[in-house]
Each structure stands twice: as C-alpha cells, then as structure tokens.
Amino acid sequence: VLRNTAYWSLWKTGRYGTDYWNDVINVSGVDQAGLMPIPMA
C-alpha cells in the first residue's frame, strides 16, 4: 500500500504518462509498472 502511495504521488505530477495501470515509475530504487492491484480491506 505504501509503494502504491509513493507511486501515486509521483504519477500525479504528470511527468510519467497517463496510464497509472502500466506507466513505469522508479519508486525507492525499484521500478514499479503501474499501481499494484492489491485488495483493499
């Protein structure tokens, strides 16, 4: 969830694309290809 939070904060800047399901962003030194599809409690 925290990795998604970090990804979302970076993605919202508009520098990484328009598809948060697939855009690759480096989060804390690791590439993350879109938001992780984790279940929400």
Full PDB file with SEQRES, HELIX, SHEET, SSBOND, CRYST1, ORIGX, SCALE, CONECT and MASTER records, all heavy atoms in Angstrom:
SEQRES   1 A   41  VAL LEU ARG ASN THR ALA TYR TRP SER LEU TRP LYS THR          
SEQRES   2 A   41  GLY ARG TYR GLY THR ASP TYR TRP ASN ASP VAL ILE ASN          
SEQRES   3 A   41  VAL SER GLY VAL ASP GLN ALA GLY LEU MET PRO ILE PRO          
SEQRES   4 A   41  MET ALA                                                      
HELIX    1 AA1 LEU A    2  TRP A   11  1                                  10    
SHEET    1 AA1 2 VAL A  24  VAL A  27  0                                        
SHEET    2 AA1 2 VAL A  30  ALA A  33 -1                                        
CRYST1    1.000    1.000    1.000  90.00  90.00  90.00 P 1           1          
ORIGX1      1.000000  0.000000  0.000000        0.00000                         
ORIGX2      0.000000  1.000000  0.000000        0.00000                         
ORIGX3      0.000000  0.000000  1.000000        0.00000                         
SCALE1      1.000000  0.000000  0.000000        0.00000                         
SCALE2      0.000000  1.000000  0.000000        0.00000                         
SCALE3      0.000000  0.000000  1.000000        0.00000                         
ATOM      1  N   VAL A   1       0.848  -1.198   0.000  1.00  0.00           N  
ATOM      2  CA  VAL A   1       0.000   0.000   0.000  1.00  0.00           C  
ATOM      3  C   VAL A   1       0.882   1.246   0.000  1.00  0.00           C  
ATOM      4  O   VAL A   1       0.618   2.229  -0.706  1.00  0.00           O  
ATOM      5  CB  VAL A   1      -0.940   0.013   1.227  1.00  0.00           C  
ATOM      6  CG1 VAL A   1      -1.681   1.349   1.314  1.00  0.00           C  
ATOM      7  CG2 VAL A   1      -1.942  -1.124   1.148  1.00  0.00           C  
ATOM      8  N   LEU A   2       1.962   1.194   0.780  1.00  0.00           N  
ATOM      9  CA  LEU A   2       2.882   2.332   0.843  1.00  0.00           C  
ATOM     10  C   LEU A   2       3.591   2.537  -0.489  1.00  0.00           C  
ATOM     11  O   LEU A   2       3.846   3.681  -0.900  1.00  0.00           O  
ATOM     12  CB  LEU A   2       3.901   2.114   1.954  1.00  0.00           C  
ATOM     13  CG  LEU A   2       3.318   1.946   3.357  1.00  0.00           C  
ATOM     14  CD1 LEU A   2       4.419   1.711   4.366  1.00  0.00           C  
ATOM     15  CD2 LEU A   2       2.506   3.169   3.745  1.00  0.00           C  
ATOM     16  N   ARG A   3       3.922   1.435  -1.180  1.00  0.00           N  
ATOM     17  CA  ARG A   3       4.535   1.564  -2.505  1.00  0.00           C  
ATOM     18  C   ARG A   3       3.550   2.214  -3.479  1.00  0.00           C  
ATOM     19  O   ARG A   3       3.941   3.025  -4.318  1.00  0.00           O  
ATOM     20  CB  ARG A   3       4.984   0.203  -3.015  1.00  0.00           C  
ATOM     21  CG  ARG A   3       6.115  -0.418  -2.218  1.00  0.00           C  
ATOM     22  CD  ARG A   3       6.721  -1.597  -2.945  1.00  0.00           C  
ATOM     23  NE  ARG A   3       7.308  -1.191  -4.212  1.00  0.00           N  
ATOM     24  CZ  ARG A   3       8.512  -0.655  -4.353  1.00  0.00           C  
ATOM     25  NH1 ARG A   3       9.271  -0.448  -3.285  1.00  0.00           N  
ATOM     26  NH2 ARG A   3       8.953  -0.309  -5.537  1.00  0.00           N  
ATOM     27  N   ASN A   4       2.272   1.851  -3.353  1.00  0.00           N  
ATOM     28  CA  ASN A   4       1.256   2.490  -4.191  1.00  0.00           C  
ATOM     29  C   ASN A   4       1.112   3.979  -3.868  1.00  0.00           C  
ATOM     30  O   ASN A   4       0.919   4.802  -4.761  1.00  0.00           O  
ATOM     31  CB  ASN A   4      -0.100   1.803  -4.004  1.00  0.00           C  
ATOM     32  CG  ASN A   4      -0.278   0.606  -4.919  1.00  0.00           C  
ATOM     33  OD1 ASN A   4       0.580   0.302  -5.751  1.00  0.00           O  
ATOM     34  ND2 ASN A   4      -1.381  -0.097  -4.781  1.00  0.00           N  
ATOM     35  N   THR A   5       1.208   4.299  -2.567  1.00  0.00           N  
ATOM     36  CA  THR A   5       1.132   5.710  -2.171  1.00  0.00           C  
ATOM     37  C   THR A   5       2.271   6.503  -2.790  1.00  0.00           C  
ATOM     38  O   THR A   5       2.063   7.602  -3.333  1.00  0.00           O  
ATOM     39  CB  THR A   5       1.195   5.837  -0.629  1.00  0.00           C  
ATOM     40  OG1 THR A   5       0.258   4.948  -0.045  1.00  0.00           O  
ATOM     41  CG2 THR A   5       0.879   7.254  -0.193  1.00  0.00           C  
ATOM     42  N   ALA A   6       3.480   5.938  -2.708  1.00  0.00           N  
ATOM     43  CA  ALA A   6       4.641   6.613  -3.287  1.00  0.00           C  
ATOM     44  C   ALA A   6       4.506   6.716  -4.799  1.00  0.00           C  
ATOM     45  O   ALA A   6       4.789   7.772  -5.401  1.00  0.00           O  
ATOM     46  CB  ALA A   6       5.914   5.842  -2.925  1.00  0.00           C  
ATOM     47  N   TYR A   7       4.048   5.652  -5.436  1.00  0.00           N  
ATOM     48  CA  TYR A   7       3.856   5.657  -6.898  1.00  0.00           C  
ATOM     49  C   TYR A   7       2.842   6.731  -7.292  1.00  0.00           C  
ATOM     50  O   TYR A   7       3.066   7.500  -8.228  1.00  0.00           O  
ATOM     51  CB  TYR A   7       3.367   4.278  -7.345  1.00  0.00           C  
ATOM     52  CG  TYR A   7       3.113   4.163  -8.833  1.00  0.00           C  
ATOM     53  CD1 TYR A   7       4.077   3.617  -9.676  1.00  0.00           C  
ATOM     54  CD2 TYR A   7       1.914   4.590  -9.399  1.00  0.00           C  
ATOM     55  CE1 TYR A   7       3.848   3.515 -11.047  1.00  0.00           C  
ATOM     56  CE2 TYR A   7       1.675   4.495 -10.752  1.00  0.00           C  
ATOM     57  CZ  TYR A   7       2.645   3.949 -11.571  1.00  0.00           C  
ATOM     58  OH  TYR A   7       2.409   3.861 -12.926  1.00  0.00           O  
ATOM     59  N   TRP A   8       1.716   6.768  -6.575  1.00  0.00           N  
ATOM     60  CA  TRP A   8       0.636   7.697  -6.916  1.00  0.00           C  
ATOM     61  C   TRP A   8       1.089   9.153  -6.770  1.00  0.00           C  
ATOM     62  O   TRP A   8       0.749  10.011  -7.599  1.00  0.00           O  
ATOM     63  CB  TRP A   8      -0.573   7.426  -6.033  1.00  0.00           C  
ATOM     64  CG  TRP A   8      -1.790   8.236  -6.362  1.00  0.00           C  
ATOM     65  CD1 TRP A   8      -2.346   9.217  -5.609  1.00  0.00           C  
ATOM     66  CD2 TRP A   8      -2.605   8.122  -7.530  1.00  0.00           C  
ATOM     67  NE1 TRP A   8      -3.458   9.727  -6.216  1.00  0.00           N  
ATOM     68  CE2 TRP A   8      -3.640   9.071  -7.405  1.00  0.00           C  
ATOM     69  CE3 TRP A   8      -2.564   7.320  -8.660  1.00  0.00           C  
ATOM     70  CZ2 TRP A   8      -4.633   9.231  -8.377  1.00  0.00           C  
ATOM     71  CZ3 TRP A   8      -3.548   7.482  -9.635  1.00  0.00           C  
ATOM     72  CH2 TRP A   8      -4.563   8.425  -9.487  1.00  0.00           C  
ATOM     73  N   SER A   9       1.848   9.420  -5.726  1.00  0.00           N  
ATOM     74  CA  SER A   9       2.346  10.787  -5.518  1.00  0.00           C  
ATOM     75  C   SER A   9       3.245  11.225  -6.671  1.00  0.00           C  
ATOM     76  O   SER A   9       3.195  12.382  -7.108  1.00  0.00           O  
ATOM     77  CB  SER A   9       3.115  10.876  -4.198  1.00  0.00           C  
ATOM     78  OG  SER A   9       2.268  10.606  -3.113  1.00  0.00           O  
ATOM     79  N   LEU A  10       4.065  10.303  -7.165  1.00  0.00           N  
ATOM     80  CA  LEU A  10       4.938  10.616  -8.306  1.00  0.00           C  
ATOM     81  C   LEU A  10       4.136  10.698  -9.598  1.00  0.00           C  
ATOM     82  O   LEU A  10       4.360  11.588 -10.427  1.00  0.00           O  
ATOM     83  CB  LEU A  10       6.037   9.551  -8.439  1.00  0.00           C  
ATOM     84  CG  LEU A  10       7.059   9.488  -7.302  1.00  0.00           C  
ATOM     85  CD1 LEU A  10       7.945   8.262  -7.446  1.00  0.00           C  
ATOM     86  CD2 LEU A  10       7.915  10.761  -7.289  1.00  0.00           C  
ATOM     87  N   TRP A  11       3.194   9.777  -9.790  1.00  0.00           N  
ATOM     88  CA  TRP A  11       2.417   9.748 -11.037  1.00  0.00           C  
ATOM     89  C   TRP A  11       1.573  11.005 -11.201  1.00  0.00           C  
ATOM     90  O   TRP A  11       1.394  11.507 -12.313  1.00  0.00           O  
ATOM     91  CB  TRP A  11       1.522   8.506 -11.042  1.00  0.00           C  
ATOM     92  CG  TRP A  11       0.793   8.316 -12.349  1.00  0.00           C  
ATOM     93  CD1 TRP A  11       1.257   7.696 -13.465  1.00  0.00           C  
ATOM     94  CD2 TRP A  11      -0.521   8.775 -12.665  1.00  0.00           C  
ATOM     95  NE1 TRP A  11       0.314   7.730 -14.462  1.00  0.00           N  
ATOM     96  CE2 TRP A  11      -0.805   8.393 -13.998  1.00  0.00           C  
ATOM     97  CE3 TRP A  11      -1.507   9.472 -11.960  1.00  0.00           C  
ATOM     98  CZ2 TRP A  11      -2.004   8.676 -14.640  1.00  0.00           C  
ATOM     99  CZ3 TRP A  11      -2.707   9.766 -12.590  1.00  0.00           C  
ATOM    100  CH2 TRP A  11      -2.951   9.361 -13.902  1.00  0.00           C  
ATOM    101  N   LYS A  12       1.077  11.546 -10.089  1.00  0.00           N  
ATOM    102  CA  LYS A  12       0.202  12.721 -10.167  1.00  0.00           C  
ATOM    103  C   LYS A  12       0.926  13.976 -10.624  1.00  0.00           C  
ATOM    104  O   LYS A  12       0.292  14.973 -10.975  1.00  0.00           O  
ATOM    105  CB  LYS A  12      -0.460  12.977  -8.809  1.00  0.00           C  
ATOM    106  CG  LYS A  12      -1.574  11.990  -8.498  1.00  0.00           C  
ATOM    107  CD  LYS A  12      -2.415  12.451  -7.340  1.00  0.00           C  
ATOM    108  CE  LYS A  12      -3.286  13.628  -7.741  1.00  0.00           C  
ATOM    109  NZ  LYS A  12      -4.260  13.986  -6.713  1.00  0.00           N  
ATOM    110  N   THR A  13       2.258  13.932 -10.633  1.00  0.00           N  
ATOM    111  CA  THR A  13       2.993  15.110 -11.117  1.00  0.00           C  
ATOM    112  C   THR A  13       2.827  15.290 -12.617  1.00  0.00           C  
ATOM    113  O   THR A  13       3.119  16.358 -13.145  1.00  0.00           O  
ATOM    114  CB  THR A  13       4.492  14.977 -10.798  1.00  0.00           C  
ATOM    115  OG1 THR A  13       5.024  13.811 -11.448  1.00  0.00           O  
ATOM    116  CG2 THR A  13       4.712  14.859  -9.296  1.00  0.00           C  
ATOM    117  N   GLY A  14       2.393  14.233 -13.317  1.00  0.00           N  
ATOM    118  CA  GLY A  14       2.163  14.343 -14.749  1.00  0.00           C  
ATOM    119  C   GLY A  14       3.382  14.091 -15.607  1.00  0.00           C  
ATOM    120  O   GLY A  14       3.326  14.237 -16.835  1.00  0.00           O  
ATOM    121  N   ARG A  15       4.507  13.692 -15.010  1.00  0.00           N  
ATOM    122  CA  ARG A  15       5.751  13.507 -15.763  1.00  0.00           C  
ATOM    123  C   ARG A  15       5.920  12.086 -16.292  1.00  0.00           C  
ATOM    124  O   ARG A  15       6.830  11.813 -17.055  1.00  0.00           O  
ATOM    125  CB  ARG A  15       6.954  13.839 -14.878  1.00  0.00           C  
ATOM    126  CG  ARG A  15       7.046  15.285 -14.451  1.00  0.00           C  
ATOM    127  CD  ARG A  15       8.181  15.523 -13.463  1.00  0.00           C  
ATOM    128  NE  ARG A  15       9.444  15.013 -13.967  1.00  0.00           N  
ATOM    129  CZ  ARG A  15      10.127  14.020 -13.405  1.00  0.00           C  
ATOM    130  NH1 ARG A  15       9.632  13.418 -12.343  1.00  0.00           N  
ATOM    131  NH2 ARG A  15      11.278  13.623 -13.902  1.00  0.00           N  
ATOM    132  N   TYR A  16       5.070  11.166 -15.873  1.00  0.00           N  
ATOM    133  CA  TYR A  16       5.339   9.761 -16.165  1.00  0.00           C  
ATOM    134  C   TYR A  16       4.338   9.104 -17.102  1.00  0.00           C  
ATOM    135  O   TYR A  16       4.423   7.914 -17.355  1.00  0.00           O  
ATOM    136  CB  TYR A  16       5.377   8.974 -14.852  1.00  0.00           C  
ATOM    137  CG  TYR A  16       6.497   9.414 -13.952  1.00  0.00           C  
ATOM    138  CD1 TYR A  16       6.276  10.358 -12.946  1.00  0.00           C  
ATOM    139  CD2 TYR A  16       7.783   8.915 -14.105  1.00  0.00           C  
ATOM    140  CE1 TYR A  16       7.302  10.773 -12.121  1.00  0.00           C  
ATOM    141  CE2 TYR A  16       8.821   9.328 -13.279  1.00  0.00           C  
ATOM    142  CZ  TYR A  16       8.571  10.253 -12.289  1.00  0.00           C  
ATOM    143  OH  TYR A  16       9.587  10.668 -11.482  1.00  0.00           O  
ATOM    144  N   GLY A  17       3.377   9.827 -17.604  1.00  0.00           N  
ATOM    145  CA  GLY A  17       2.410   9.242 -18.519  1.00  0.00           C  
ATOM    146  C   GLY A  17       0.992   9.481 -18.038  1.00  0.00           C  
ATOM    147  O   GLY A  17       0.738  10.272 -17.129  1.00  0.00           O  
ATOM    148  N   THR A  18       0.050   8.782 -18.679  1.00  0.00           N  
ATOM    149  CA  THR A  18      -1.371   8.992 -18.375  1.00  0.00           C  
ATOM    150  C   THR A  18      -2.082   7.694 -17.980  1.00  0.00           C  
ATOM    151  O   THR A  18      -3.288   7.686 -17.814  1.00  0.00           O  
ATOM    152  CB  THR A  18      -2.082   9.588 -19.602  1.00  0.00           C  
ATOM    153  OG1 THR A  18      -1.885   8.709 -20.730  1.00  0.00           O  
ATOM    154  CG2 THR A  18      -1.542  10.965 -19.936  1.00  0.00           C  
ATOM    155  N   ASP A  19      -1.348   6.603 -17.855  1.00  0.00           N  
ATOM    156  CA  ASP A  19      -1.952   5.311 -17.533  1.00  0.00           C  
ATOM    157  C   ASP A  19      -1.321   4.753 -16.261  1.00  0.00           C  
ATOM    158  O   ASP A  19      -0.248   4.160 -16.298  1.00  0.00           O  
ATOM    159  CB  ASP A  19      -1.743   4.335 -18.697  1.00  0.00           C  
ATOM    160  CG  ASP A  19      -2.389   2.975 -18.438  1.00  0.00           C  
ATOM    161  OD1 ASP A  19      -3.107   2.849 -17.425  1.00  0.00           O  
ATOM    162  OD2 ASP A  19      -2.170   2.047 -19.246  1.00  0.00           O  
ATOM    163  N   TYR A  20      -2.005   4.951 -15.128  1.00  0.00           N  
ATOM    164  CA  TYR A  20      -1.417   4.517 -13.858  1.00  0.00           C  
ATOM    165  C   TYR A  20      -1.480   3.004 -13.660  1.00  0.00           C  
ATOM    166  O   TYR A  20      -1.006   2.489 -12.661  1.00  0.00           O  
ATOM    167  CB  TYR A  20      -2.062   5.229 -12.664  1.00  0.00           C  
ATOM    168  CG  TYR A  20      -3.566   5.154 -12.583  1.00  0.00           C  
ATOM    169  CD1 TYR A  20      -4.216   3.978 -12.211  1.00  0.00           C  
ATOM    170  CD2 TYR A  20      -4.351   6.264 -12.862  1.00  0.00           C  
ATOM    171  CE1 TYR A  20      -5.583   3.909 -12.125  1.00  0.00           C  
ATOM    172  CE2 TYR A  20      -5.732   6.214 -12.784  1.00  0.00           C  
ATOM    173  CZ  TYR A  20      -6.344   5.035 -12.413  1.00  0.00           C  
ATOM    174  OH  TYR A  20      -7.707   4.968 -12.325  1.00  0.00           O  
ATOM    175  N   TRP A  21      -2.070   2.278 -14.610  1.00  0.00           N  
ATOM    176  CA  TRP A  21      -2.043   0.824 -14.536  1.00  0.00           C  
ATOM    177  C   TRP A  21      -0.757   0.253 -15.136  1.00  0.00           C  
ATOM    178  O   TRP A  21      -0.370  -0.877 -14.830  1.00  0.00           O  
ATOM    179  CB  TRP A  21      -3.242   0.208 -15.270  1.00  0.00           C  
ATOM    180  CG  TRP A  21      -4.555   0.484 -14.615  1.00  0.00           C  
ATOM    181  CD1 TRP A  21      -5.538   1.304 -15.066  1.00  0.00           C  
ATOM    182  CD2 TRP A  21      -5.035  -0.060 -13.374  1.00  0.00           C  
ATOM    183  NE1 TRP A  21      -6.599   1.318 -14.202  1.00  0.00           N  
ATOM    184  CE2 TRP A  21      -6.321   0.486 -13.150  1.00  0.00           C  
ATOM    185  CE3 TRP A  21      -4.507  -0.943 -12.437  1.00  0.00           C  
ATOM    186  CZ2 TRP A  21      -7.086   0.161 -12.032  1.00  0.00           C  
ATOM    187  CZ3 TRP A  21      -5.264  -1.264 -11.326  1.00  0.00           C  
ATOM    188  CH2 TRP A  21      -6.535  -0.711 -11.131  1.00  0.00           C  
ATOM    189  N   ASN A  22      -0.118   1.003 -16.028  1.00  0.00           N  
ATOM    190  CA  ASN A  22       1.032   0.455 -16.762  1.00  0.00           C  
ATOM    191  C   ASN A  22       2.267   1.345 -16.781  1.00  0.00           C  
ATOM    192  O   ASN A  22       3.353   0.857 -17.121  1.00  0.00           O  
ATOM    193  CB  ASN A  22       0.625   0.168 -18.217  1.00  0.00           C  
ATOM    194  CG  ASN A  22      -0.487  -0.860 -18.312  1.00  0.00           C  
ATOM    195  OD1 ASN A  22      -0.327  -1.998 -17.887  1.00  0.00           O  
ATOM    196  ND2 ASN A  22      -1.632  -0.458 -18.866  1.00  0.00           N  
ATOM    197  N   ASP A  23       2.149   2.621 -16.470  1.00  0.00           N  
ATOM    198  CA  ASP A  23       3.310   3.511 -16.525  1.00  0.00           C  
ATOM    199  C   ASP A  23       4.386   3.053 -15.548  1.00  0.00           C  
ATOM    200  O   ASP A  23       4.101   2.792 -14.376  1.00  0.00           O  
ATOM    201  CB  ASP A  23       2.904   4.956 -16.190  1.00  0.00           C  
ATOM    202  CG  ASP A  23       2.021   5.560 -17.267  1.00  0.00           C  
ATOM    203  OD1 ASP A  23       2.143   5.125 -18.424  1.00  0.00           O  
ATOM    204  OD2 ASP A  23       1.218   6.449 -16.945  1.00  0.00           O  
ATOM    205  N   VAL A  24       5.625   2.955 -16.026  1.00  0.00           N  
ATOM    206  CA  VAL A  24       6.740   2.509 -15.197  1.00  0.00           C  
ATOM    207  C   VAL A  24       7.350   3.705 -14.477  1.00  0.00           C  
ATOM    208  O   VAL A  24       7.765   4.679 -15.114  1.00  0.00           O  
ATOM    209  CB  VAL A  24       7.815   1.795 -16.040  1.00  0.00           C  
ATOM    210  CG1 VAL A  24       8.992   1.364 -15.158  1.00  0.00           C  
ATOM    211  CG2 VAL A  24       7.217   0.586 -16.752  1.00  0.00           C  
ATOM    212  N   ILE A  25       7.403   3.620 -13.148  1.00  0.00           N  
ATOM    213  CA  ILE A  25       7.985   4.692 -12.330  1.00  0.00           C  
ATOM    214  C   ILE A  25       8.934   4.046 -11.328  1.00  0.00           C  
ATOM    215  O   ILE A  25       8.626   3.009 -10.743  1.00  0.00           O  
ATOM    216  CB  ILE A  25       6.901   5.491 -11.573  1.00  0.00           C  
ATOM    217  CG1 ILE A  25       5.921   6.131 -12.569  1.00  0.00           C  
ATOM    218  CG2 ILE A  25       7.533   6.574 -10.707  1.00  0.00           C  
ATOM    219  CD1 ILE A  25       4.771   6.870 -11.911  1.00  0.00           C  
ATOM    220  N   ASN A  26      10.085   4.660 -11.135  1.00  0.00           N  
ATOM    221  CA  ASN A  26      11.054   4.159 -10.166  1.00  0.00           C  
ATOM    222  C   ASN A  26      10.667   4.657  -8.774  1.00  0.00           C  
ATOM    223  O   ASN A  26      10.709   5.850  -8.498  1.00  0.00           O  
ATOM    224  CB  ASN A  26      12.469   4.620 -10.526  1.00  0.00           C  
ATOM    225  CG  ASN A  26      13.515   3.936  -9.688  1.00  0.00           C  
ATOM    226  OD1 ASN A  26      13.820   4.366  -8.590  1.00  0.00           O  
ATOM    227  ND2 ASN A  26      14.065   2.851 -10.223  1.00  0.00           N  
ATOM    228  N   VAL A  27      10.282   3.725  -7.907  1.00  0.00           N  
ATOM    229  CA  VAL A  27       9.855   4.046  -6.546  1.00  0.00           C  
ATOM    230  C   VAL A  27      10.874   3.482  -5.569  1.00  0.00           C  
ATOM    231  O   VAL A  27      11.051   2.270  -5.483  1.00  0.00           O  
ATOM    232  CB  VAL A  27       8.461   3.471  -6.244  1.00  0.00           C  
ATOM    233  CG1 VAL A  27       8.048   3.793  -4.811  1.00  0.00           C  
ATOM    234  CG2 VAL A  27       7.437   3.995  -7.233  1.00  0.00           C  
ATOM    235  N   SER A  28      11.559   4.364  -4.868  1.00  0.00           N  
ATOM    236  CA  SER A  28      12.566   3.957  -3.869  1.00  0.00           C  
ATOM    237  C   SER A  28      13.581   2.983  -4.451  1.00  0.00           C  
ATOM    238  O   SER A  28      13.943   1.989  -3.827  1.00  0.00           O  
ATOM    239  CB  SER A  28      11.886   3.324  -2.649  1.00  0.00           C  
ATOM    240  OG  SER A  28      11.019   4.225  -2.032  1.00  0.00           O  
ATOM    241  N   GLY A  29      14.014   3.254  -5.682  1.00  0.00           N  
ATOM    242  CA  GLY A  29      15.068   2.446  -6.291  1.00  0.00           C  
ATOM    243  C   GLY A  29      14.595   1.217  -7.023  1.00  0.00           C  
ATOM    244  O   GLY A  29      15.399   0.484  -7.588  1.00  0.00           O  
ATOM    245  N   VAL A  30      13.278   0.958  -7.044  1.00  0.00           N  
ATOM    246  CA  VAL A  30      12.737  -0.214  -7.744  1.00  0.00           C  
ATOM    247  C   VAL A  30      11.674   0.235  -8.728  1.00  0.00           C  
ATOM    248  O   VAL A  30      10.793   1.021  -8.381  1.00  0.00           O  
ATOM    249  CB  VAL A  30      12.125  -1.228  -6.743  1.00  0.00           C  
ATOM    250  CG1 VAL A  30      11.476  -2.390  -7.475  1.00  0.00           C  
ATOM    251  CG2 VAL A  30      13.201  -1.743  -5.799  1.00  0.00           C  
ATOM    252  N   ASP A  31      11.767  -0.277  -9.972  1.00  0.00           N  
ATOM    253  CA  ASP A  31      10.773   0.067 -10.975  1.00  0.00           C  
ATOM    254  C   ASP A  31       9.437  -0.596 -10.664  1.00  0.00           C  
ATOM    255  O   ASP A  31       9.382  -1.789 -10.360  1.00  0.00           O  
ATOM    256  CB  ASP A  31      11.240  -0.378 -12.365  1.00  0.00           C  
ATOM    257  CG  ASP A  31      12.221   0.606 -12.968  1.00  0.00           C  
ATOM    258  OD1 ASP A  31      12.469   1.634 -12.317  1.00  0.00           O  
ATOM    259  OD2 ASP A  31      12.736   0.360 -14.066  1.00  0.00           O  
ATOM    260  N   GLN A  32       8.378   0.191 -10.736  1.00  0.00           N  
ATOM    261  CA  GLN A  32       7.036  -0.317 -10.500  1.00  0.00           C  
ATOM    262  C   GLN A  32       6.198  -0.020 -11.731  1.00  0.00           C  
ATOM    263  O   GLN A  32       5.975   1.131 -12.088  1.00  0.00           O  
ATOM    264  CB  GLN A  32       6.429   0.344  -9.251  1.00  0.00           C  
ATOM    265  CG  GLN A  32       5.077  -0.221  -8.851  1.00  0.00           C  
ATOM    266  CD  GLN A  32       4.619   0.319  -7.513  1.00  0.00           C  
ATOM    267  OE1 GLN A  32       5.429   0.493  -6.591  1.00  0.00           O  
ATOM    268  NE2 GLN A  32       3.323   0.573  -7.382  1.00  0.00           N  
ATOM    269  N   ALA A  33       5.729  -1.077 -12.398  1.00  0.00           N  
ATOM    270  CA  ALA A  33       4.967  -0.925 -13.646  1.00  0.00           C  
ATOM    271  C   ALA A  33       3.486  -0.773 -13.322  1.00  0.00           C  
ATOM    272  O   ALA A  33       2.693  -1.719 -13.417  1.00  0.00           O  
ATOM    273  CB  ALA A  33       5.196  -2.123 -14.559  1.00  0.00           C  
ATOM    274  N   GLY A  34       3.095   0.398 -12.889  1.00  0.00           N  
ATOM    275  CA  GLY A  34       1.700   0.666 -12.544  1.00  0.00           C  
ATOM    276  C   GLY A  34       1.402   0.403 -11.083  1.00  0.00           C  
ATOM    277  O   GLY A  34       2.219  -0.151 -10.340  1.00  0.00           O  
ATOM    278  N   LEU A  35       0.208   0.796 -10.665  1.00  0.00           N  
ATOM    279  CA  LEU A  35      -0.222   0.543  -9.299  1.00  0.00           C  
ATOM    280  C   LEU A  35      -0.359  -0.958  -9.066  1.00  0.00           C  
ATOM    281  O   LEU A  35      -0.830  -1.683  -9.942  1.00  0.00           O  
ATOM    282  CB  LEU A  35      -1.566   1.224  -9.028  1.00  0.00           C  
ATOM    283  CG  LEU A  35      -1.570   2.752  -8.944  1.00  0.00           C  
ATOM    284  CD1 LEU A  35      -2.998   3.269  -8.887  1.00  0.00           C  
ATOM    285  CD2 LEU A  35      -0.780   3.248  -7.744  1.00  0.00           C  
ATOM    286  N   MET A  36       0.051  -1.411  -7.893  1.00  0.00           N  
ATOM    287  CA  MET A  36      -0.085  -2.832  -7.570  1.00  0.00           C  
ATOM    288  C   MET A  36      -1.553  -3.144  -7.290  1.00  0.00           C  
ATOM    289  O   MET A  36      -2.181  -2.479  -6.471  1.00  0.00           O  
ATOM    290  CB  MET A  36       0.763  -3.178  -6.350  1.00  0.00           C  
ATOM    291  CG  MET A  36       2.241  -3.054  -6.598  1.00  0.00           C  
ATOM    292  SD  MET A  36       3.174  -3.576  -5.148  1.00  0.00           S  
ATOM    293  CE  MET A  36       4.834  -3.258  -5.734  1.00  0.00           C  
ATOM    294  N   PRO A  37      -2.098  -4.169  -7.956  1.00  0.00           N  
ATOM    295  CA  PRO A  37      -3.534  -4.485  -7.799  1.00  0.00           C  
ATOM    296  C   PRO A  37      -3.832  -5.254  -6.515  1.00  0.00           C  
ATOM    297  O   PRO A  37      -4.340  -6.363  -6.527  1.00  0.00           O  
ATOM    298  CB  PRO A  37      -3.821  -5.336  -9.038  1.00  0.00           C  
ATOM    299  CG  PRO A  37      -2.526  -6.044  -9.293  1.00  0.00           C  
ATOM    300  CD  PRO A  37      -1.444  -5.066  -8.918  1.00  0.00           C  
ATOM    301  N   ILE A  38      -3.503  -4.659  -5.393  1.00  0.00           N  
ATOM    302  CA  ILE A  38      -3.709  -5.323  -4.105  1.00  0.00           C  
ATOM    303  C   ILE A  38      -5.159  -5.133  -3.659  1.00  0.00           C  
ATOM    304  O   ILE A  38      -5.784  -4.113  -3.956  1.00  0.00           O  
ATOM    305  CB  ILE A  38      -2.752  -4.755  -3.038  1.00  0.00           C  
ATOM    306  CG1 ILE A  38      -2.864  -3.225  -2.993  1.00  0.00           C  
ATOM    307  CG2 ILE A  38      -1.334  -5.161  -3.293  1.00  0.00           C  
ATOM    308  CD1 ILE A  38      -1.975  -2.583  -1.978  1.00  0.00           C  
ATOM    309  N   PRO A  39      -5.727  -6.116  -2.949  1.00  0.00           N  
ATOM    310  CA  PRO A  39      -7.100  -5.953  -2.450  1.00  0.00           C  
ATOM    311  C   PRO A  39      -7.159  -4.907  -1.354  1.00  0.00           C  
ATOM    312  O   PRO A  39      -6.192  -4.714  -0.622  1.00  0.00           O  
ATOM    313  CB  PRO A  39      -7.441  -7.347  -1.904  1.00  0.00           C  
ATOM    314  CG  PRO A  39      -6.125  -7.948  -1.550  1.00  0.00           C  
ATOM    315  CD  PRO A  39      -5.138  -7.404  -2.547  1.00  0.00           C  
ATOM    316  N   MET A  40      -8.298  -4.228  -1.279  1.00  0.00           N  
ATOM    317  CA  MET A  40      -8.491  -3.236  -0.222  1.00  0.00           C  
ATOM    318  C   MET A  40      -9.335  -3.835   0.887  1.00  0.00           C  
ATOM    319  O   MET A  40     -10.432  -4.355   0.621  1.00  0.00           O  
ATOM    320  CB  MET A  40      -9.168  -1.986  -0.784  1.00  0.00           C  
ATOM    321  CG  MET A  40      -8.220  -1.002  -1.413  1.00  0.00           C  
ATOM    322  SD  MET A  40      -9.045   0.538  -1.858  1.00  0.00           S  
ATOM    323  CE  MET A  40      -9.964   0.022  -3.282  1.00  0.00           C  
ATOM    324  N   ALA A  41      -8.822  -3.757   2.105  1.00  0.00           N  
ATOM    325  CA  ALA A  41      -9.565  -4.295   3.246  1.00  0.00           C  
ATOM    326  C   ALA A  41     -10.937  -3.639   3.361  1.00  0.00           C  
ATOM    327  O   ALA A  41     -11.921  -4.282   3.731  1.00  0.00           O  
ATOM    328  CB  ALA A  41      -8.768  -4.092   4.531  1.00  0.00           C  
TER     329      ALA A  41                                                      
MASTER        0    0    0    1    2    0    0    6  328    1    0    4          
END                                                                             
